[in-house]
Protein backbone atom coordinates (compact mmCIF):
# COMPACT_ATOMS: atom_id res chain seq x y z
CA MET A 1 -19.05 -26.52 30.92
CA SER A 2 -17.91 -29.68 30.00
CA ALA A 3 -14.20 -29.89 27.44
CA ASN A 4 -17.15 -31.06 24.44
CA GLU A 5 -19.16 -27.96 24.85
CA THR A 6 -15.92 -25.90 24.94
CA ASP A 7 -15.06 -27.60 22.30
CA ASP A 8 -17.83 -27.16 19.80
CA ASP A 9 -18.36 -23.53 20.85
CA ALA A 10 -14.59 -22.85 19.89
CA ARG A 11 -15.60 -25.04 16.30
CA ASP A 12 -19.11 -22.35 16.41
CA TRP A 13 -17.01 -19.27 16.62
CA LEU A 14 -14.29 -20.22 14.43
CA ALA A 15 -16.74 -20.85 12.13
CA ALA A 16 -18.28 -17.68 12.16
CA GLU A 17 -14.91 -15.98 12.09
CA LEU A 18 -14.30 -17.90 8.99
CA GLU A 19 -17.93 -16.66 7.31
CA ASP A 20 -17.19 -13.08 8.21
CA ALA A 21 -13.64 -13.30 7.07
CA LEU A 22 -15.69 -14.18 3.35
CA ASP A 23 -17.82 -11.18 3.87
CA GLU A 24 -14.74 -9.29 3.97
CA ASP A 25 -13.52 -9.74 1.33
CA TYR A 26 -16.71 -10.56 -1.02
CA GLU A 27 -17.41 -7.20 -0.19
CA LEU A 28 -13.76 -6.06 -1.80
CA GLU A 29 -14.49 -8.59 -4.32
CA MET A 30 -18.31 -7.05 -5.25
CA SER A 31 -19.36 -5.41 -8.37
CA GLU A 32 -21.38 -2.84 -7.27
CA PRO A 33 -24.93 -1.79 -8.57
CA ALA A 34 -23.96 1.66 -10.09
CA LEU A 35 -21.49 -0.11 -12.84
CA SER A 36 -22.81 -0.30 -15.60
CA LEU A 37 -24.37 -2.72 -16.88
CA ALA A 38 -23.49 -2.27 -20.40
CA ILE A 39 -20.07 -1.61 -20.25
CA ARG A 40 -20.51 -5.13 -17.84
CA GLU A 41 -20.99 -7.42 -20.39
CA ILE A 42 -18.55 -6.53 -22.45
CA TYR A 43 -16.26 -6.79 -19.95
CA LYS A 44 -17.67 -10.48 -19.54
CA ARG A 45 -17.73 -10.99 -23.03
CA LYS A 46 -13.50 -10.23 -23.62
CA HIS A 47 -12.37 -11.27 -20.78
CA PRO A 48 -10.77 -14.77 -20.06
CA SER A 49 -12.69 -17.06 -17.48
CA THR A 50 -11.61 -16.64 -14.18
CA ILE A 51 -10.86 -18.80 -11.21
CA ASP A 52 -14.43 -19.83 -9.60
CA ARG A 53 -15.22 -18.00 -6.64
CA LYS A 54 -15.16 -20.85 -3.60
CA THR A 55 -12.06 -22.10 -5.37
CA TYR A 56 -10.20 -18.62 -5.17
CA PHE A 57 -11.21 -17.70 -1.77
CA ARG A 58 -10.04 -20.86 0.04
CA ALA A 59 -6.16 -20.53 -2.19
CA LEU A 60 -7.05 -16.69 -0.81
CA LEU A 61 -7.45 -17.88 2.39
CA THR A 62 -4.81 -20.41 2.76
CA LEU A 63 -1.59 -18.16 1.24
CA GLN A 64 -3.14 -15.28 3.79
CA ALA A 65 -2.46 -17.50 6.36
CA GLU A 66 1.41 -18.31 5.33
CA LEU A 67 1.91 -15.15 5.04
CA ILE A 68 0.99 -14.34 8.77
CA LYS A 69 3.68 -16.73 9.15
CA LEU A 70 5.67 -15.02 7.04
CA GLN A 71 5.61 -12.19 9.38
CA ASP A 72 6.16 -13.70 12.66
CA TRP A 73 9.59 -14.84 10.86
CA VAL A 74 10.81 -11.23 10.02
CA GLN A 75 9.52 -9.83 13.37
CA HIS A 76 11.57 -12.90 14.77
CA THR A 77 14.49 -12.88 12.79
CA GLY A 78 15.41 -9.57 11.96
CA GLU A 79 14.91 -9.32 8.29
CA LYS A 80 14.24 -6.82 5.65
CA VAL A 81 11.84 -7.24 3.06
CA LEU A 82 11.11 -4.68 0.35
CA VAL A 83 8.43 -5.34 -2.33
CA ILE A 84 7.69 -2.99 -5.20
CA PHE A 85 5.32 -3.55 -7.24
CA GLU A 86 4.85 -1.12 -10.70
CA GLY A 87 2.96 -2.07 -14.00
CA ARG A 88 0.96 0.05 -16.37
CA ASP A 89 -2.05 1.52 -14.52
CA SER A 90 -5.28 -0.61 -13.63
CA ALA A 91 -3.18 -3.43 -13.87
CA GLY A 92 -3.32 -4.64 -10.57
CA LYS A 93 -1.23 -3.73 -8.55
CA GLY A 94 -3.78 -2.15 -5.68
CA GLY A 95 -5.17 -4.73 -5.76
CA VAL A 96 -2.82 -7.64 -4.66
CA ILE A 97 -1.78 -5.41 -1.74
CA LYS A 98 -4.52 -5.28 -0.15
CA ARG A 99 -5.20 -9.02 -0.02
CA ILE A 100 -1.15 -9.15 1.29
CA THR A 101 -1.69 -6.48 3.92
CA GLN A 102 -5.30 -7.50 5.10
CA ARG A 103 -4.66 -9.49 7.74
CA LEU A 104 -0.89 -8.53 8.59
CA ASN A 105 -0.63 -6.49 11.24
CA PRO A 106 0.09 -3.29 9.96
CA ARG A 107 3.27 -2.28 12.61
CA VAL A 108 5.73 -5.26 10.83
CA CYS A 109 4.02 -4.66 7.05
CA ARG A 110 3.37 -1.24 5.53
CA VAL A 111 2.61 0.39 2.66
CA VAL A 112 4.01 3.17 0.83
CA ALA A 113 2.89 5.19 -1.92
CA LEU A 114 4.24 8.40 -2.86
CA THR A 115 2.76 11.59 -4.27
CA LYS A 116 4.43 13.34 -6.72
CA PRO A 117 7.38 14.97 -5.39
CA SER A 118 7.42 18.36 -3.32
CA GLU A 119 9.35 21.18 -4.85
CA LYS A 120 11.77 20.50 -2.45
CA GLU A 121 12.41 16.96 -3.74
CA ARG A 122 13.09 17.61 -7.28
CA THR A 123 15.89 19.26 -6.04
CA GLN A 124 17.30 16.38 -4.15
CA TRP A 125 19.47 13.27 -4.97
CA TYR A 126 16.81 11.53 -6.76
CA PHE A 127 16.39 8.62 -4.50
CA GLN A 128 16.63 10.87 -1.25
CA ARG A 129 12.72 10.91 -1.07
CA TYR A 130 12.50 6.64 -0.90
CA VAL A 131 15.55 6.02 1.83
CA PRO A 132 13.24 7.08 5.07
CA HIS A 133 10.58 4.98 3.63
CA LEU A 134 12.99 1.25 3.68
CA PRO A 135 12.68 -0.96 6.11
CA SER A 136 14.33 -1.69 9.29
CA GLY A 137 14.91 -4.16 11.28
CA GLY A 138 12.04 -6.75 11.47
CA GLU A 139 9.45 -5.08 8.92
CA ILE A 140 8.36 -5.69 5.68
CA VAL A 141 7.41 -2.69 3.37
CA LEU A 142 5.39 -2.69 -0.04
CA PHE A 143 6.32 0.33 -2.20
CA ASP A 144 3.20 0.52 -4.46
CA ARG A 145 5.35 2.13 -7.26
CA SER A 146 8.38 3.19 -6.36
CA TRP A 147 11.60 5.18 -8.01
CA TYR A 148 11.30 3.51 -11.00
CA ASN A 149 8.72 6.72 -11.53
CA ARG A 150 11.43 7.58 -13.32
CA SER A 151 12.00 5.47 -16.08
CA GLY A 152 8.76 4.99 -16.72
CA VAL A 153 5.77 8.12 -15.60
CA GLU A 154 8.31 10.89 -15.50
CA ARG A 155 9.58 10.38 -18.76
CA VAL A 156 6.96 9.42 -20.77
CA MET A 157 5.68 12.54 -19.68
CA GLY A 158 7.93 14.83 -19.73
CA PHE A 159 8.91 15.56 -16.03
CA ALA A 160 12.21 14.05 -16.02
CA THR A 161 14.81 15.17 -18.91
CA PRO A 162 16.50 12.24 -21.43
CA GLU A 163 19.99 13.52 -19.58
CA GLN A 164 17.99 12.87 -15.96
CA VAL A 165 17.35 9.54 -16.97
CA GLU A 166 20.38 8.11 -18.34
CA GLN A 167 21.15 9.10 -15.24
CA PHE A 168 18.73 6.53 -13.23
CA PHE A 169 19.73 3.61 -15.93
CA GLN A 170 23.20 4.08 -14.43
CA ASP A 171 22.41 4.55 -10.55
CA VAL A 172 19.74 2.45 -9.91
CA PRO A 173 21.13 -1.32 -10.48
CA GLU A 174 24.32 -0.50 -7.64
CA PHE A 175 21.25 1.62 -5.19
CA GLU A 176 19.69 -1.96 -5.41
CA ARG A 177 22.88 -3.64 -5.32
CA MET A 178 23.65 -0.96 -1.96
CA LEU A 179 20.16 -2.08 -1.00
CA VAL A 180 21.30 -6.21 -1.37
CA ARG A 181 24.44 -5.94 0.52
CA SER A 182 22.67 -4.11 3.67
CA GLY A 183 20.82 -7.11 4.16
CA ILE A 184 17.23 -5.97 2.57
CA ARG A 185 15.70 -8.35 0.75
CA LEU A 186 14.85 -6.96 -2.40
CA ILE A 187 11.37 -7.73 -5.04
CA LYS A 188 10.42 -6.25 -7.93
CA TYR A 189 7.53 -7.60 -8.92
CA TRP A 190 6.01 -5.81 -12.87
CA PHE A 191 2.32 -6.73 -13.29
CA SER A 192 1.20 -7.12 -17.18
CA ILE A 193 -2.32 -6.45 -18.72
CA THR A 194 -3.26 -6.44 -22.93
CA ASP A 195 -4.17 -2.68 -24.38
CA GLU A 196 -7.84 -4.19 -24.68
CA GLU A 197 -7.90 -5.23 -21.20
CA GLN A 198 -6.89 -2.17 -19.36
CA GLN A 199 -9.33 -0.05 -21.85
CA LEU A 200 -12.20 -2.10 -20.99
CA ARG A 201 -10.57 -1.92 -17.02
CA PHE A 202 -11.13 2.16 -17.60
CA LEU A 203 -14.53 2.12 -19.09
CA MET A 204 -15.40 0.48 -16.25
CA ARG A 205 -14.03 3.07 -13.93
CA ILE A 206 -15.27 5.77 -15.67
CA HIS A 207 -18.94 4.97 -15.68
CA ASP A 208 -18.51 3.64 -11.95
CA PRO A 209 -18.71 6.81 -9.31
CA LEU A 210 -17.54 4.30 -7.01
CA LYS A 211 -14.41 4.03 -8.73
CA GLN A 212 -14.06 7.43 -10.90
CA TRP A 213 -11.57 7.85 -7.76
CA LYS A 214 -8.70 6.03 -8.90
CA LEU A 215 -8.55 7.18 -12.48
CA SER A 216 -6.13 10.28 -12.77
CA PRO A 217 -5.62 12.77 -15.46
CA MET A 218 -2.35 11.01 -15.97
CA ASP A 219 -4.42 7.35 -16.21
CA LEU A 220 -5.93 8.76 -19.07
CA GLN A 221 -2.74 10.11 -20.76
CA SER A 222 -1.42 7.04 -20.55
CA ARG A 223 -3.94 5.06 -22.82
CA VAL A 224 -2.59 8.04 -25.62
CA ARG A 225 0.97 7.01 -25.10
CA TRP A 226 0.43 3.25 -24.76
CA GLU A 227 3.06 2.35 -27.31
CA ARG A 228 5.77 5.00 -25.25
CA TYR A 229 5.25 3.14 -21.82
CA THR A 230 5.92 0.00 -24.18
CA LYS A 231 9.01 0.79 -25.03
CA ALA A 232 9.90 2.67 -21.49
CA LYS A 233 8.65 -0.67 -19.81
CA GLU A 234 11.05 -2.52 -21.89
CA GLU A 235 14.40 -0.68 -21.83
CA THR A 236 13.46 -0.67 -17.41
CA PHE A 237 14.06 -4.68 -17.58
CA GLU A 238 16.82 -4.58 -20.55
CA ARG A 239 18.34 -2.12 -17.89
CA THR A 240 17.16 -2.99 -14.47
CA ASN A 241 17.11 -6.76 -14.34
CA ILE A 242 19.96 -8.01 -12.08
CA PRO A 243 20.33 -10.98 -10.48
CA ASP A 244 20.96 -9.51 -7.45
CA ALA A 245 17.70 -7.55 -7.79
CA PRO A 246 16.00 -9.23 -10.73
CA TRP A 247 12.50 -8.78 -11.94
CA PHE A 248 8.62 -11.21 -11.81
CA ILE A 249 6.37 -9.88 -14.21
CA VAL A 250 2.75 -11.22 -13.39
CA GLU A 251 1.01 -11.29 -16.14
CA GLY A 252 -2.60 -9.42 -14.50
CA ASN A 253 -5.98 -10.24 -17.44
CA ASP A 254 -6.97 -12.40 -14.90
CA LYS A 255 -7.40 -10.49 -11.16
CA LYS A 256 -7.93 -13.55 -9.24
CA ARG A 257 -4.90 -15.73 -10.44
CA ALA A 258 -2.62 -12.77 -10.20
CA ARG A 259 -3.10 -12.60 -7.02
CA LEU A 260 -2.94 -15.72 -6.15
CA ASN A 261 0.55 -16.43 -8.12
CA CYS A 262 2.52 -12.64 -6.89
CA ILE A 263 1.53 -13.87 -3.67
CA ARG A 264 2.84 -17.19 -3.60
CA HIS A 265 5.74 -16.35 -5.46
CA LEU A 266 6.18 -14.28 -3.32
CA LEU A 267 6.64 -17.05 -0.32
CA ASP A 268 8.62 -18.69 -2.20
CA GLN A 269 11.50 -16.43 -2.57
CA ILE A 270 11.75 -16.28 1.37
CA PRO A 271 13.21 -18.49 3.12
CA TYR A 272 10.70 -18.09 6.18
CA GLU A 273 9.28 -21.03 8.30
CA ASP A 274 7.61 -21.32 11.65
CA VAL A 275 8.97 -19.54 14.37
CA PRO A 276 8.90 -20.85 18.71
CA GLY A 277 5.81 -18.96 20.42
CA GLU A 278 5.15 -19.00 24.01
CA GLU A 279 1.51 -20.18 24.55
CA ILE A 280 -1.07 -17.44 24.59
CA THR A 281 -3.70 -18.03 27.29
CA LEU A 282 -6.54 -16.14 28.59
CA PRO A 283 -5.67 -15.10 32.15
CA ASP A 284 -9.07 -14.99 34.26
CA ARG A 285 -10.69 -11.56 35.10
CA VAL A 286 -10.35 -9.64 38.05
CA PHE A 287 -13.69 -9.21 39.70
CA ASN A 288 -14.31 -5.98 42.41
CA PRO A 289 -17.58 -6.28 44.66
CA ASP A 290 -16.68 -3.15 45.23
CA TYR A 291 -16.67 -2.17 41.60
CA GLU A 292 -19.92 0.09 40.20
CA ARG A 293 -19.99 0.79 36.26
CA ARG A 294 -20.73 3.88 35.66
CA THR A 295 -23.78 4.98 33.14
CA LEU A 296 -22.86 7.03 30.53
CA PRO A 297 -24.50 9.83 29.11
CA PRO A 298 -26.52 8.26 25.69
CA GLU A 299 -25.50 11.58 23.47
CA LEU A 300 -21.79 10.15 24.15
CA TYR A 301 -23.48 6.82 21.83
CA VAL A 302 -23.00 6.65 17.98
CA PRO A 303 -26.79 6.08 17.26
CA SER A 304 -27.51 2.63 15.86
CA ARG A 305 -28.84 3.72 12.50
CA TYR A 306 -28.32 0.27 10.85
C-alpha cells in the first residue's frame, strides 16, 4: 500500500470517527418523541434563539480537545483540580458535566454526586463526608452539588437548623482556604436560570417519561420555595465569595451557550500547556503458524437483533 493510500485511509477513518462523535452528541441533544408537543411549542416561543447546531458542535469539539490537553497536563504535573457545580434544579449543571467528562479518562476526571447523608454521617463533622472525595495528585474532580447543600436545600427545606447554617457560613471560608493552601485548585460555578425558564423545564420533564426520573419531590418543592432559594443564594454569595475561592455565575437560560461559556471559562482558570509525550506506534502483530482459533458456542454471543 502506498503512502498516499495510507493517508487517504487515515483521513477516511478520522472523518468516520468525527461523524460518530457528532452522532453521540446528537443523541445527547435529541428531543425525545414522547415530549409533549404543546409544551415544546410553548418552550420554543418563550425561549431565546440559540446557537445553530453546526456552530455549537464545532465549538464543543474544539473545547473538548482542549479539555484533553488539560487532563494530560494535570496527570503529568500531579495537579489537583476541584470544580463545584451548584445552582437551581434544572439549571444545566448535569449537562455541562456530561460534556466535560464525555471524552476524558474516568481514571483522571471523575464526578461526585452524593446522596442524602446517612444516619452515621449526620453525626459527623459536616464536611467529613466530602473529604474522601477530594482530588489526589493528577486528578480532576467535579462535584455535582457539594457542601453548599447546607446553605441551600438543607436550609430552605428545614433539614438544617439556623445554628447549623450559621456555623457552616463561619466554617466554609476557612475550609476552602485550607483546600487551596493544600494545593487544590478550587473553582466554583453557580448556574443561574430565570423563574420562567425553570418552570418550562420542569413542565417538559413532567410530560416526558424519559426525563421524569430527573424530577424528585425536592425539585417540585423548589418551585414553591423559589424566593427562599433566592435569598439563600444571595447570602451564600455574600458570605462565601472569597478571593481564594470566588464564585462564577453561569447564565443558564440558553443551555448550549452555558455549556460552551462554562467550559471555556474553566480552561481559562488553569495554566495548562502541552506536555511532552512519547510517540505512539502500533507494534507488529505476532503470528503463530501453529495457533488455531477455537470455535465458541453460539449461546455465548449476544443476539444480533439490530
